[in-house]
Protein backbone atom coordinates (compact mmCIF):
# COMPACT_ATOMS: atom_id res chain seq x y z
CA MET A 1 -1.95 -21.48 71.88
CA THR A 2 1.52 -20.92 74.06
CA SER A 3 4.17 -18.96 72.19
CA THR A 4 7.67 -19.87 72.08
CA LEU A 5 9.95 -17.31 74.13
CA THR A 6 13.08 -15.75 72.44
CA ALA A 7 16.35 -15.60 74.22
CA GLU A 8 15.66 -11.78 74.56
CA ASP A 9 12.43 -12.92 76.36
CA LEU A 10 14.32 -15.08 78.93
CA LEU A 11 16.99 -12.27 79.44
CA THR A 12 14.70 -9.45 79.63
CA VAL A 13 13.30 -11.07 82.78
CA GLY A 14 16.70 -10.50 84.60
CA SER A 15 16.57 -6.93 83.93
CA ALA A 16 13.18 -6.10 85.73
CA THR A 17 12.74 -4.46 88.70
CA PHE A 18 9.93 -4.78 91.08
CA PRO A 19 8.61 -2.51 93.87
CA VAL A 20 8.26 -4.10 97.11
CA PRO A 21 6.26 -2.21 99.92
CA ILE A 22 7.74 -2.69 103.35
CA PRO A 23 5.74 -2.97 106.42
CA ALA A 24 5.73 0.02 108.83
CA ALA A 25 6.25 -2.68 111.71
CA LEU A 26 9.48 -3.55 110.44
CA VAL A 27 10.76 0.14 109.70
CA ARG A 28 9.52 1.07 113.44
CA PRO A 29 9.61 -1.84 115.66
CA GLY A 30 7.73 -1.06 118.64
CA GLU A 31 5.79 1.54 117.87
CA ASP A 32 2.17 1.46 117.59
CA VAL A 33 1.48 1.16 113.58
CA PRO A 34 -1.98 -0.06 112.59
CA PRO A 35 -1.76 -3.56 111.10
CA GLY A 36 -0.87 -3.95 107.58
CA ALA A 37 0.31 -0.18 107.53
CA VAL A 38 3.22 0.36 104.78
CA MET A 39 6.01 2.44 105.53
CA GLY A 40 7.08 3.09 101.82
CA GLU A 41 8.66 0.65 99.47
CA VAL A 42 12.07 -0.64 97.92
CA VAL A 43 12.74 -1.55 94.47
CA LEU A 44 14.15 -5.19 94.06
CA ARG A 45 15.35 -7.18 90.94
CA PRO A 46 15.52 -10.97 90.52
CA LEU A 47 19.15 -12.39 91.21
CA LEU A 48 20.97 -13.62 87.98
CA VAL A 49 22.85 -17.07 87.83
CA ARG A 50 26.04 -15.33 87.89
CA ASP A 51 25.01 -13.32 91.16
CA VAL A 52 24.35 -16.61 92.72
CA GLU A 53 27.40 -17.92 91.72
CA ARG A 54 29.59 -14.73 93.03
CA ILE A 55 27.60 -14.81 96.32
CA THR A 56 28.05 -18.47 96.97
CA ARG A 57 31.94 -18.15 96.18
CA ALA A 58 32.09 -15.05 98.47
CA ALA A 59 30.22 -16.13 101.32
CA LYS A 60 31.38 -19.76 101.44
CA GLU A 61 29.28 -21.32 104.00
CA GLN A 62 28.28 -18.25 105.62
CA ARG A 63 24.46 -17.93 105.73
CA VAL A 64 24.21 -14.48 107.14
CA LEU A 65 26.67 -12.89 104.85
CA THR A 66 24.92 -15.03 102.02
CA SER A 67 21.84 -13.29 103.04
CA VAL A 68 23.27 -9.75 103.25
CA LEU A 69 24.87 -10.37 99.69
CA MET A 70 21.84 -11.59 97.94
CA VAL A 71 19.84 -8.75 99.33
CA ASN A 72 22.66 -6.29 98.35
CA HIS A 73 22.75 -7.39 94.98
CA ALA A 74 19.08 -7.39 94.42
CA LEU A 75 18.54 -3.69 96.09
CA VAL A 76 17.97 -1.46 93.08
CA SER A 77 16.81 1.28 95.28
CA PRO A 78 17.72 2.70 97.85
CA LYS A 79 21.10 1.28 96.93
CA LEU A 80 23.06 0.09 100.18
CA SER A 81 26.44 -0.87 100.71
CA ILE A 82 27.39 -4.18 102.15
CA ASP A 83 27.90 -2.64 105.66
CA GLN A 84 24.70 -0.94 105.27
CA VAL A 85 22.62 -4.25 104.55
CA SER A 86 24.76 -5.84 107.73
CA ALA A 87 23.53 -2.91 109.70
CA LEU A 88 19.57 -3.56 108.86
CA PRO A 89 17.47 -5.09 111.70
CA ALA A 90 17.14 -8.91 111.31
CA GLY A 91 13.54 -9.09 110.52
CA LEU A 92 13.84 -6.20 107.54
CA LEU A 93 16.62 -8.32 106.40
CA GLN A 94 14.71 -11.67 106.33
CA PHE A 95 11.72 -9.99 104.79
CA LEU A 96 13.64 -8.70 102.19
CA LEU A 97 15.28 -11.86 101.44
CA GLU A 98 12.21 -13.64 101.25
CA ARG A 99 11.13 -10.97 98.40
CA VAL A 100 14.56 -11.54 96.73
CA ASN A 101 13.92 -15.46 96.75
CA ALA A 102 10.54 -15.38 95.51
CA LEU A 103 11.50 -12.85 92.70
CA SER A 104 14.46 -14.87 91.81
CA GLY A 105 12.48 -18.09 91.49
CA LEU A 106 14.66 -19.47 94.49
CA SER A 107 11.83 -20.06 97.04
CA LEU A 108 9.54 -23.18 97.34
CA ASP A 109 6.10 -23.03 98.03
CA GLU A 110 4.65 -26.08 100.68
CA GLU A 111 4.00 -28.19 97.36
CA GLY A 112 7.46 -27.62 95.87
CA LEU A 113 9.09 -28.15 99.57
CA GLU A 114 7.50 -31.56 99.77
CA ALA A 115 8.54 -32.73 95.96
CA ALA A 116 12.24 -31.87 96.91
CA VAL A 117 12.25 -33.79 100.22
CA ARG A 118 10.84 -36.97 98.54
CA ALA A 119 13.02 -36.68 95.67
CA PRO A 120 15.07 -39.71 95.63
CA LEU A 121 18.54 -37.67 94.79
CA THR A 122 17.42 -35.61 98.17
CA ARG A 123 16.82 -38.57 100.49
CA ALA A 124 19.83 -40.32 98.98
CA CYS A 125 21.97 -37.21 99.81
CA PHE A 126 20.33 -36.92 103.51
CA LEU A 127 21.14 -40.63 104.13
CA LEU A 128 24.78 -40.59 103.19
CA ALA A 129 25.20 -37.36 105.34
CA ARG A 130 23.60 -39.17 108.08
CA GLU A 131 25.21 -42.40 107.65
CA PHE A 132 28.72 -41.42 106.97
CA GLY A 133 29.08 -38.01 108.83
CA TRP A 134 29.35 -36.02 105.68
CA THR A 135 28.70 -32.05 105.19
CA PRO A 136 26.03 -31.04 102.65
CA ALA A 137 28.80 -29.50 100.96
CA GLN A 138 30.43 -32.67 100.54
CA CYS A 139 27.35 -34.40 99.43
CA ALA A 140 27.05 -31.61 97.14
CA GLU A 141 30.40 -32.58 95.44
CA LEU A 142 29.23 -36.23 94.52
CA THR A 143 27.95 -36.95 91.22
CA VAL A 144 24.72 -39.12 90.56
CA GLY A 145 26.83 -42.25 89.77
CA GLN A 146 28.86 -41.88 93.41
CA ILE A 147 25.76 -41.38 95.37
CA LEU A 148 24.26 -44.38 93.78
CA VAL A 149 27.40 -46.58 94.77
CA TYR A 150 27.54 -45.22 98.18
CA VAL A 151 23.28 -46.09 98.59
CA GLU A 152 24.15 -49.43 97.13
CA MET A 153 27.21 -49.68 99.83
CA LEU A 154 24.69 -48.92 102.50
CA GLY A 155 22.34 -51.44 101.33
CA ARG A 156 25.04 -53.90 101.52
CA HIS A 157 26.34 -52.83 104.88
CA GLU A 158 29.71 -51.77 103.59
CA ALA A 159 31.62 -48.92 104.81
CA PRO A 160 33.33 -46.17 102.22
CA VAL A 161 36.98 -46.13 101.94
CA ALA A 162 38.29 -43.13 104.33
CA GLU A 163 38.21 -39.90 102.79
CA ALA A 164 35.98 -41.16 99.79
CA VAL A 165 34.27 -37.64 99.52
C-alpha cells in the first residue's frame, strides 16, 4: 500500500545531496587511465524550481551560460564560482550537467523523449514555429487557446495577422 507524502517529504528532496563519481578520463584527458577509473567525486544537489527560474532569467537564451549556472547552483562540494565553472573543460561540464538534470528530474529517457515529441501540443508548437518562422521562445509565450487558433488557421490556409505573437 502506498502512503500519502507530506509537504515535508516533498520539500526534503530539494535539500538532499548526492555524491557523483567523476571519471578520471574527464579530469586527466589524454593520459592513459584505465577504462572506468574514477578520479574522485563531487557532491551535487537537485535544482529547485526557484533555481531554474533564476537561471532562466539570468541566462536568457544563452545555452552555455544556462549550463554553467545550472552546474554552479547544484555543485555543493567543491563550491565553485561561476567563473570557475566556466573554466571547466567542456566535457566535464557536460558530464556534470547531465547528472544535475537527472537529479533534478529534468532529463528524459528514450521513452519520455518519444512521448514528448509525439505530444500534440509539442507537435503543434513545432508546426507553428516552422510555418510562421516563430522562435521557440515566442511559441512558449502562446496560450493553449492561441495555439489551437493558429493551428486551425493553418488548416484553413490562412495567415496570422502581422506580429500576432
